[in-house]
């Protein structure tokens, strides 16, 4: 009988020990091992998904894993200075002291590209007139003496991916020129005859840039652009009709040609950005990402799997 009591105690201690191990395995403190992000968890954009976000952009979401800190600034794309996105970027630098910056805008080339430094400094001289928030974030990174990079895939990668989808070069050029227009509207706000003339000139310039970007043998004319637009969108091109909704990547509710194009490009952009974030977090302990709010909203399930819930901050 005495032996049975000892045996029972031994069994109970063994069970308790196993339970303790299971507890600490479940709630163990994260180590400093490499972070791996699964881009397959990134959701497709939809307005419903955006409405589910309880904070109004711009805001900051802070994720922690061991000694790693991802600071994701969900921006509102605005031109000029002194706006809420700029103030939120200032707060991110002041409160979190990031060691690396990733910004939305151009294709990734090299870290702290001198051309990007020149661009940001020129925007600073002009009080960020016609410059989006990437320039402002870069100027603060330069001031803080930290490296930075853009988080966009190369033109060649976009070109190659879309050609595999049997999308023609003309469609690609027309779309990339089209996606500039909402930014011009944000910069100039109210349409008037003078601005319409300015936008028409900008469209010709955007078509030239997009033609060179994707190595077309000839520069697409405005007439050809309008012909492609009407064929794909089913209506005549008018500047006044082009909004952020025209070029957002939603495909869940009667998407237009431009939305479908944006969706295909968006998948490639998200995959590249996720790799950039992963790579920088595995080298730097504090990484600041300044991207449009829709990107964070789509990426939340991916981040939650690795980091858990975020701490969110808004200056509103």
Protein backbone atom coordinates (compact mmCIF):
# COMPACT_ATOMS: atom_id res chain seq x y z
CA UNK A 1 0.00 0.00 0.00
CA UNK A 2 2.89 2.34 0.90
CA UNK A 3 4.47 1.61 -2.48
CA UNK A 4 1.27 2.57 -4.23
CA UNK A 5 1.27 5.96 -2.44
CA UNK A 6 4.84 6.65 -3.55
CA UNK A 7 3.99 5.52 -7.07
CA UNK A 8 0.96 7.79 -7.12
CA UNK A 9 3.05 10.77 -5.95
CA UNK A 10 5.64 10.08 -8.61
CA UNK A 11 2.98 9.93 -11.30
CA UNK A 12 1.41 13.20 -10.07
CA UNK A 13 4.79 14.96 -10.03
CA UNK A 14 5.46 13.72 -13.54
CA UNK A 15 2.07 15.07 -14.76
CA UNK A 16 2.65 18.42 -13.04
CA UNK A 17 6.08 18.63 -14.63
CA UNK A 18 4.61 17.94 -18.07
CA UNK A 19 1.87 20.52 -17.51
CA UNK A 20 4.46 23.07 -16.49
CA UNK A 21 6.51 22.39 -19.60
CA UNK A 22 3.40 22.73 -21.75
CA UNK A 23 2.53 26.00 -20.04
CA UNK A 24 5.94 27.53 -20.58
CA UNK A 25 6.06 26.19 -24.14
CA UNK A 26 2.79 27.96 -24.88
CA UNK A 27 3.70 31.21 -23.13
CA UNK A 28 7.46 31.22 -23.60
CA UNK A 29 9.23 34.54 -24.08
CA UNK A 30 10.11 35.05 -27.77
CA UNK A 31 13.73 34.52 -28.62
CA UNK A 32 15.85 36.63 -30.95
CA UNK A 33 15.60 34.09 -33.76
CA UNK A 34 14.85 35.26 -37.29
CA UNK A 35 11.33 36.45 -38.01
CA UNK A 36 9.46 34.81 -40.88
CA UNK A 37 6.38 36.48 -42.38
CA UNK A 38 3.88 34.51 -44.45
CA UNK A 39 2.70 36.75 -47.30
CA UNK A 40 -0.05 34.24 -48.17
CA UNK A 41 -1.92 35.61 -45.13
CA UNK A 42 -2.16 39.10 -46.66
CA UNK A 43 -5.82 39.77 -47.46
CA UNK A 44 -7.28 41.26 -50.62
CA UNK A 45 -8.28 44.90 -50.31
CA UNK A 46 -11.95 45.73 -49.89
CA UNK A 47 -13.83 48.70 -48.48
CA UNK A 48 -15.47 46.35 -45.98
CA UNK A 49 -12.03 45.40 -44.67
CA UNK A 50 -11.11 49.07 -44.33
CA UNK A 51 -14.35 49.86 -42.47
CA UNK A 52 -13.48 47.17 -39.91
CA UNK A 53 -10.40 49.14 -38.81
CA UNK A 54 -11.43 50.92 -35.62
CA UNK A 55 -8.87 53.74 -35.96
CA UNK A 56 -9.01 56.44 -38.59
CA UNK A 57 -5.74 56.89 -40.48
CA UNK A 58 -3.15 58.14 -39.97
CA UNK A 59 -2.20 56.06 -36.95
CA UNK A 60 0.70 53.94 -35.65
CA UNK A 61 0.60 50.21 -34.91
CA UNK A 62 3.49 48.87 -32.84
CA UNK A 63 4.32 45.15 -32.90
CA UNK A 64 6.85 43.48 -30.58
CA UNK A 65 8.66 40.14 -30.64
CA UNK A 66 11.51 39.72 -28.18
CA UNK A 67 13.85 42.64 -28.84
CA UNK A 68 12.27 43.30 -32.24
CA UNK A 69 9.90 46.23 -32.76
CA UNK A 70 7.94 46.83 -35.97
CA UNK A 71 6.44 50.32 -36.07
CA UNK A 72 3.89 50.51 -38.88
CA UNK A 73 2.55 53.98 -39.71
CA UNK A 74 -0.76 53.72 -41.56
CA UNK A 75 -0.60 56.91 -43.60
CA UNK A 76 -3.10 59.04 -45.45
CA UNK A 77 -1.50 60.06 -48.74
CA UNK A 78 -1.25 63.85 -48.62
CA UNK A 79 0.94 66.44 -50.29
CA UNK A 80 2.29 69.58 -48.65
CA UNK A 81 3.49 70.17 -45.09
CA UNK A 82 1.97 70.39 -41.63
CA UNK A 83 -0.67 67.71 -42.19
CA UNK A 84 -1.71 64.97 -39.76
CA UNK A 85 0.36 62.32 -41.55
CA UNK A 86 3.47 64.48 -41.11
CA UNK A 87 2.70 64.96 -37.39
CA UNK A 88 2.22 61.19 -37.00
CA UNK A 89 5.56 60.53 -38.71
CA UNK A 90 7.21 62.97 -36.28
CA UNK A 91 5.67 61.10 -33.35
CA UNK A 92 6.90 57.75 -34.69
CA UNK A 93 10.49 59.02 -34.88
CA UNK A 94 10.31 60.74 -31.49
CA UNK A 95 8.61 57.94 -29.51
CA UNK A 96 10.15 54.84 -31.09
CA UNK A 97 13.62 55.91 -32.28
CA UNK A 98 13.61 53.58 -35.33
CA UNK A 99 16.83 52.16 -36.75
CA UNK A 100 15.59 51.61 -40.32
CA UNK A 101 12.89 53.24 -42.45
CA UNK A 102 10.83 51.70 -45.29
CA UNK A 103 8.68 54.11 -47.33
CA UNK A 104 6.08 53.78 -50.06
CA UNK A 105 6.65 55.39 -53.42
CA UNK A 106 9.40 54.39 -55.83
CA UNK A 107 10.98 51.06 -56.71
CA UNK A 108 13.67 49.80 -54.35
CA UNK A 109 17.16 50.50 -55.71
CA UNK A 110 19.80 50.70 -52.97
CA UNK A 111 19.69 51.64 -49.31
CA UNK A 112 19.75 55.42 -48.80
CA UNK A 113 20.04 56.04 -52.54
CA UNK A 114 21.68 59.48 -53.15
CA UNK A 115 18.99 60.28 -55.74
CA UNK A 116 16.31 59.73 -53.08
CA UNK A 117 18.22 61.97 -50.66
CA UNK A 118 18.33 64.71 -53.31
CA UNK A 119 14.59 64.29 -53.98
CA UNK A 120 13.74 64.60 -50.27
CA UNK A 121 15.99 67.63 -49.77
CA UNK A 122 14.44 69.39 -52.78
CA UNK A 123 10.98 68.71 -51.33
CA UNK A 124 12.14 70.19 -48.02
CA UNK A 125 13.32 73.35 -49.78
CA UNK A 126 9.89 73.70 -51.44
CA UNK A 127 8.01 73.03 -48.17
CA UNK A 128 6.95 69.62 -49.58
CA UNK A 129 4.75 71.20 -52.25
CA UNK A 130 3.61 68.41 -54.59
CA UNK A 131 5.61 65.92 -52.49
CA UNK A 132 3.98 63.03 -50.64
CA UNK A 133 4.81 61.77 -47.14
CA UNK A 134 7.72 59.58 -48.27
CA UNK A 135 9.88 62.69 -48.75
CA UNK A 136 9.09 63.98 -45.27
CA UNK A 137 9.88 60.62 -43.65
CA UNK A 138 13.19 60.45 -45.54
CA UNK A 139 14.21 63.92 -44.32
CA UNK A 140 13.64 62.78 -40.73
CA UNK A 141 15.63 59.60 -41.38
CA UNK A 142 18.51 61.69 -42.73
CA UNK A 143 18.31 63.93 -39.66
CA UNK A 144 18.33 60.88 -37.37
CA UNK A 145 21.20 59.36 -39.39
CA UNK A 146 19.40 56.07 -40.05
CA UNK A 147 19.29 54.13 -43.34
CA UNK A 148 16.12 53.96 -45.44
CA UNK A 149 14.76 52.31 -48.57
CA UNK A 150 11.65 52.23 -50.70
CA UNK A 151 9.55 49.07 -50.51
CA UNK A 152 8.35 48.75 -54.10
CA UNK A 153 9.28 46.03 -56.64
CA UNK A 154 11.30 46.93 -59.70
CA UNK A 155 9.75 47.97 -63.01
CA UNK A 156 11.24 44.85 -64.57
CA UNK A 157 9.53 42.59 -62.02
CA UNK A 158 6.15 44.29 -62.59
CA UNK A 159 6.59 44.13 -66.37
CA UNK A 160 7.54 40.44 -66.31
CA UNK A 161 4.68 39.46 -63.98
CA UNK A 162 2.00 41.28 -65.96
CA UNK A 163 3.23 39.94 -69.31
CA UNK A 164 2.73 36.44 -67.90
CA UNK A 165 -0.89 37.45 -67.32
CA UNK A 166 -1.13 38.34 -71.04
CA UNK A 167 -1.47 42.02 -70.22
CA UNK A 168 -0.12 44.14 -73.07
CA UNK A 169 2.51 46.85 -72.71
CA UNK A 170 -0.06 49.44 -73.86
CA UNK A 171 -2.44 48.48 -71.03
CA UNK A 172 0.40 48.64 -68.52
CA UNK A 173 1.58 52.07 -69.71
CA UNK A 174 -1.99 53.45 -69.71
CA UNK A 175 -2.65 52.15 -66.20
CA UNK A 176 0.57 53.51 -64.71
CA UNK A 177 -0.14 56.93 -66.22
CA UNK A 178 -3.72 56.80 -64.93
CA UNK A 179 -2.70 56.05 -61.33
CA UNK A 180 -0.90 59.42 -61.09
CA UNK A 181 -4.06 61.48 -61.45
CA UNK A 182 -5.50 61.15 -57.90
CA UNK A 183 -2.19 62.43 -56.52
CA UNK A 184 -2.37 65.54 -58.74
CA UNK A 185 -5.88 66.13 -57.46
CA UNK A 186 -4.75 65.83 -53.85
CA UNK A 187 -2.03 68.39 -54.50
CA UNK A 188 -4.27 70.90 -56.27
CA UNK A 189 -7.59 70.16 -54.53
CA UNK A 190 -10.22 72.06 -56.57
CA UNK A 191 -10.49 71.51 -60.33
CA UNK A 192 -10.60 74.62 -62.52
CA UNK A 193 -9.76 75.35 -66.19
CA UNK A 194 -6.14 76.25 -65.35
CA UNK A 195 -5.60 73.04 -63.40
CA UNK A 196 -7.23 70.99 -66.15
CA UNK A 197 -4.66 72.38 -68.58
CA UNK A 198 -1.93 71.57 -66.07
CA UNK A 199 -3.21 68.03 -65.61
CA UNK A 200 -3.35 67.54 -69.39
CA UNK A 201 0.33 68.50 -69.59
CA UNK A 202 1.09 66.21 -66.64
CA UNK A 203 -0.72 63.33 -68.38
CA UNK A 204 1.50 63.70 -71.46
CA UNK A 205 4.56 63.68 -69.17
CA UNK A 206 3.25 60.65 -67.24
CA UNK A 207 2.68 58.74 -70.48
CA UNK A 208 6.26 59.50 -71.51
CA UNK A 209 7.61 58.28 -68.15
CA UNK A 210 5.51 55.12 -68.21
CA UNK A 211 6.54 54.40 -71.81
CA UNK A 212 10.22 54.66 -70.86
CA UNK A 213 9.64 52.75 -67.62
CA UNK A 214 8.43 49.71 -69.54
CA UNK A 215 10.80 50.21 -72.49
CA UNK A 216 8.22 50.90 -75.21
CA UNK A 217 9.67 51.65 -78.65
CA UNK A 218 7.48 54.79 -78.94
CA UNK A 219 5.94 57.12 -76.36
CA UNK A 220 2.21 56.62 -75.96
CA UNK A 221 0.18 59.61 -77.16
CA UNK A 222 -2.71 61.16 -75.26
CA UNK A 223 -5.05 60.09 -78.08
CA UNK A 224 -3.98 56.45 -77.77
CA UNK A 225 -4.30 56.59 -73.99
CA UNK A 226 -7.90 57.84 -74.26
CA UNK A 227 -8.69 55.13 -76.81
CA UNK A 228 -7.39 52.41 -74.46
CA UNK A 229 -9.24 53.95 -71.52
CA UNK A 230 -12.58 53.96 -73.38
CA UNK A 231 -12.09 50.40 -74.62
CA UNK A 232 -11.27 49.08 -71.15
CA UNK A 233 -13.48 51.28 -68.94
CA UNK A 234 -16.47 51.54 -71.27
CA UNK A 235 -16.63 55.34 -71.09
CA UNK A 236 -14.81 58.43 -72.30
CA UNK A 237 -11.85 59.62 -70.24
CA UNK A 238 -12.49 62.68 -68.07
CA UNK A 239 -10.10 63.95 -65.39
CA UNK A 240 -13.00 64.77 -63.09
CA UNK A 241 -14.06 61.08 -62.99
CA UNK A 242 -10.69 59.77 -61.76
CA UNK A 243 -10.53 59.27 -57.98
CA UNK A 244 -8.71 57.03 -55.51
CA UNK A 245 -11.51 54.50 -56.00
CA UNK A 246 -10.66 54.33 -59.72
CA UNK A 247 -7.24 52.87 -58.97
CA UNK A 248 -7.74 51.00 -55.70
CA UNK A 249 -7.17 47.22 -55.88
CA UNK A 250 -10.65 46.11 -54.82
CA UNK A 251 -12.12 43.20 -56.78
CA UNK A 252 -15.07 42.19 -54.55
CA UNK A 253 -17.66 44.67 -55.82
CA UNK A 254 -18.05 45.30 -59.56
CA UNK A 255 -14.37 46.03 -60.22
CA UNK A 256 -13.46 48.03 -63.28
CA UNK A 257 -10.48 47.32 -65.54
CA UNK A 258 -8.34 49.76 -63.55
CA UNK A 259 -9.23 48.01 -60.27
CA UNK A 260 -8.32 44.62 -61.71
CA UNK A 261 -4.99 45.99 -62.94
CA UNK A 262 -4.34 47.53 -59.54
CA UNK A 263 -5.15 44.21 -57.85
CA UNK A 264 -2.62 42.27 -59.92
CA UNK A 265 0.08 44.87 -59.28
CA UNK A 266 -0.92 45.01 -55.61
CA UNK A 267 -0.23 41.31 -55.06
CA UNK A 268 3.32 41.75 -56.34
CA UNK A 269 3.80 44.92 -54.27
CA UNK A 270 2.63 43.24 -51.06
CA UNK A 271 4.89 40.22 -51.56
CA UNK A 272 7.91 42.44 -52.14
CA UNK A 273 7.11 44.72 -49.19
CA UNK A 274 6.66 41.76 -46.84
CA UNK A 275 10.12 40.47 -47.82
CA UNK A 276 11.59 43.92 -47.22
CA UNK A 277 10.03 44.13 -43.74
CA UNK A 278 11.17 40.61 -42.86
CA UNK A 279 14.72 41.23 -44.07
CA UNK A 280 15.08 44.56 -42.22
CA UNK A 281 13.62 43.21 -38.96
CA UNK A 282 16.17 40.40 -39.02
CA UNK A 283 18.97 42.97 -39.17
CA UNK A 284 17.62 45.96 -37.20
CA UNK A 285 15.76 45.85 -33.89
CA UNK A 286 13.40 48.75 -34.70
CA UNK A 287 11.94 49.15 -38.19
CA UNK A 288 9.53 51.93 -39.17
CA UNK A 289 7.25 51.36 -42.17
CA UNK A 290 5.44 54.40 -43.62
CA UNK A 291 2.80 53.09 -46.06
CA UNK A 292 -0.79 53.80 -46.95
CA UNK A 293 -3.25 52.53 -44.32
CA UNK A 294 -4.78 49.94 -46.68
CA UNK A 295 -1.50 48.01 -46.71
CA UNK A 296 -1.45 47.56 -42.94
CA UNK A 297 -5.12 46.60 -42.88
CA UNK A 298 -4.47 43.85 -45.42
CA UNK A 299 -1.36 42.65 -43.59
CA UNK A 300 -2.79 42.51 -40.05
CA UNK A 301 -3.53 38.72 -40.04
CA UNK A 302 0.07 38.03 -41.12
CA UNK A 303 1.50 40.23 -38.36
CA UNK A 304 -0.89 38.84 -35.74
CA UNK A 305 0.35 35.30 -36.36
CA UNK A 306 3.93 36.31 -35.52
CA UNK A 307 3.61 39.24 -33.12
CA UNK A 308 0.15 38.91 -31.59
CA UNK A 309 -1.96 42.02 -31.13
CA UNK A 310 -0.53 45.47 -31.83
CA UNK A 311 -0.47 48.56 -29.63
CA UNK A 312 -2.16 51.29 -31.66
CA UNK A 313 -1.60 55.03 -31.31
CA UNK A 314 -3.45 57.90 -32.96
CA UNK A 315 -2.85 61.64 -32.54
CA UNK A 316 -6.45 62.44 -33.57
